[in-house]
Amino acid sequence: MELDMSAEELKSALNRLRRAQGQLAGVIKMIEEGRDCEDVITQLAAVSRALDRAGFSIIATGLQQCMTSEDPQVRDSTQMRARLEKLFLSLA
């Protein structure tokens, strides 16, 4: 299944991923500088949340496309449902 995101959805997902990328760079720098463990873990949790949100956004777009598809093979496919469920659960 090809993911077709609108410009707004794409921009939002990319912004989330870039934010996570920046946060991860900050975590790496904190570790290299020997910063406080609690601060590092707090920032690492923020990176994880940002990645999760980007992933959920992308999966939600895929689910929406499947549900609104004109193609009954896409909409009713047990295999497609299983693939989407696997993707969703991979982020859980």
Protein backbone atom coordinates (compact mmCIF):
# COMPACT_ATOMS: atom_id res chain seq x y z
CA MET A 1 0.00 0.00 0.00
CA GLU A 2 1.43 3.35 -1.02
CA LEU A 3 0.97 6.15 1.48
CA ASP A 4 -0.46 9.26 -0.11
CA MET A 5 -0.26 12.13 2.36
CA SER A 6 -1.59 15.62 1.79
CA ALA A 7 0.90 18.46 1.92
CA GLU A 8 -0.35 19.43 5.38
CA GLU A 9 -0.13 15.86 6.73
CA LEU A 10 3.33 15.42 5.25
CA LYS A 11 4.53 18.71 6.71
CA SER A 12 3.21 17.77 10.15
CA ALA A 13 4.84 14.32 10.11
CA LEU A 14 8.15 15.72 8.87
CA ASN A 15 8.10 18.44 11.53
CA ARG A 16 7.58 15.82 14.24
CA LEU A 17 10.44 13.72 12.85
CA ARG A 18 12.76 16.73 12.61
CA ARG A 19 11.88 17.69 16.17
CA ALA A 20 12.73 14.17 17.31
CA GLN A 21 15.97 14.30 15.33
CA GLY A 22 16.96 17.52 17.08
CA GLN A 23 16.03 16.12 20.48
CA LEU A 24 18.05 12.97 19.80
CA ALA A 25 21.08 15.05 18.85
CA GLY A 26 20.64 16.85 22.17
CA VAL A 27 20.50 13.54 24.05
CA ILE A 28 23.70 12.36 22.38
CA LYS A 29 25.43 15.61 23.30
CA MET A 30 24.19 15.32 26.89
CA ILE A 31 25.62 11.81 27.16
CA GLU A 32 28.93 12.88 25.64
CA GLU A 33 29.13 15.72 28.17
CA GLY A 34 28.36 13.40 31.07
CA ARG A 35 25.15 15.17 32.02
CA ASP A 36 22.80 14.07 34.79
CA CYS A 37 21.15 10.69 34.15
CA GLU A 38 17.68 11.95 35.05
CA ASP A 39 17.95 14.82 32.54
CA VAL A 40 19.15 12.44 29.82
CA ILE A 41 16.28 10.02 30.43
CA THR A 42 13.74 12.87 30.45
CA GLN A 43 14.98 14.04 27.06
CA LEU A 44 15.11 10.49 25.73
CA ALA A 45 11.46 10.05 26.72
CA ALA A 46 10.62 13.22 24.77
CA VAL A 47 12.35 11.78 21.68
CA SER A 48 10.37 8.57 22.05
CA ARG A 49 7.07 10.46 22.32
CA ALA A 50 7.87 12.58 19.26
CA LEU A 51 8.66 9.46 17.21
CA ASP A 52 5.50 7.73 18.43
CA ARG A 53 3.36 10.71 17.47
CA ALA A 54 4.89 10.87 14.00
CA GLY A 55 4.34 7.13 13.55
CA PHE A 56 0.74 7.29 14.73
CA SER A 57 0.10 10.20 12.39
CA ILE A 58 1.43 8.24 9.42
CA ILE A 59 -0.52 5.11 10.37
CA ALA A 60 -3.71 7.13 10.88
CA THR A 61 -3.35 8.47 7.35
CA GLY A 62 -2.96 4.93 6.04
CA LEU A 63 -6.04 3.77 7.96
CA GLN A 64 -8.06 6.68 6.63
CA GLN A 65 -7.00 5.90 3.07
CA CYS A 66 -8.02 2.27 3.44
CA MET A 67 -11.38 3.14 4.95
CA THR A 68 -12.24 5.65 2.23
CA SER A 69 -10.82 3.68 -0.70
CA GLU A 70 -13.15 3.10 -3.63
CA ASP A 71 -11.41 -0.24 -4.26
CA PRO A 72 -13.31 -2.97 -2.37
CA GLN A 73 -10.20 -5.19 -2.41
CA VAL A 74 -8.32 -2.56 -0.38
CA ARG A 75 -11.19 -1.76 1.96
CA ASP A 76 -12.23 -5.35 2.69
CA SER A 77 -8.86 -7.04 2.60
CA THR A 78 -8.14 -9.17 5.65
CA GLN A 79 -4.48 -9.10 4.69
CA MET A 80 -4.48 -5.27 4.60
CA ARG A 81 -6.14 -5.16 8.00
CA ALA A 82 -3.50 -7.49 9.40
CA ARG A 83 -0.69 -5.37 7.93
CA LEU A 84 -2.13 -2.15 9.38
CA GLU A 85 -2.71 -3.79 12.75
CA LYS A 86 0.88 -5.01 12.81
CA LEU A 87 2.13 -1.50 12.00
CA PHE A 88 -0.05 0.05 14.66
CA LEU A 89 1.02 -2.47 17.31
CA SER A 90 4.67 -1.98 16.44
CA LEU A 91 4.36 1.50 17.95
CA ALA A 92 2.46 0.39 21.03
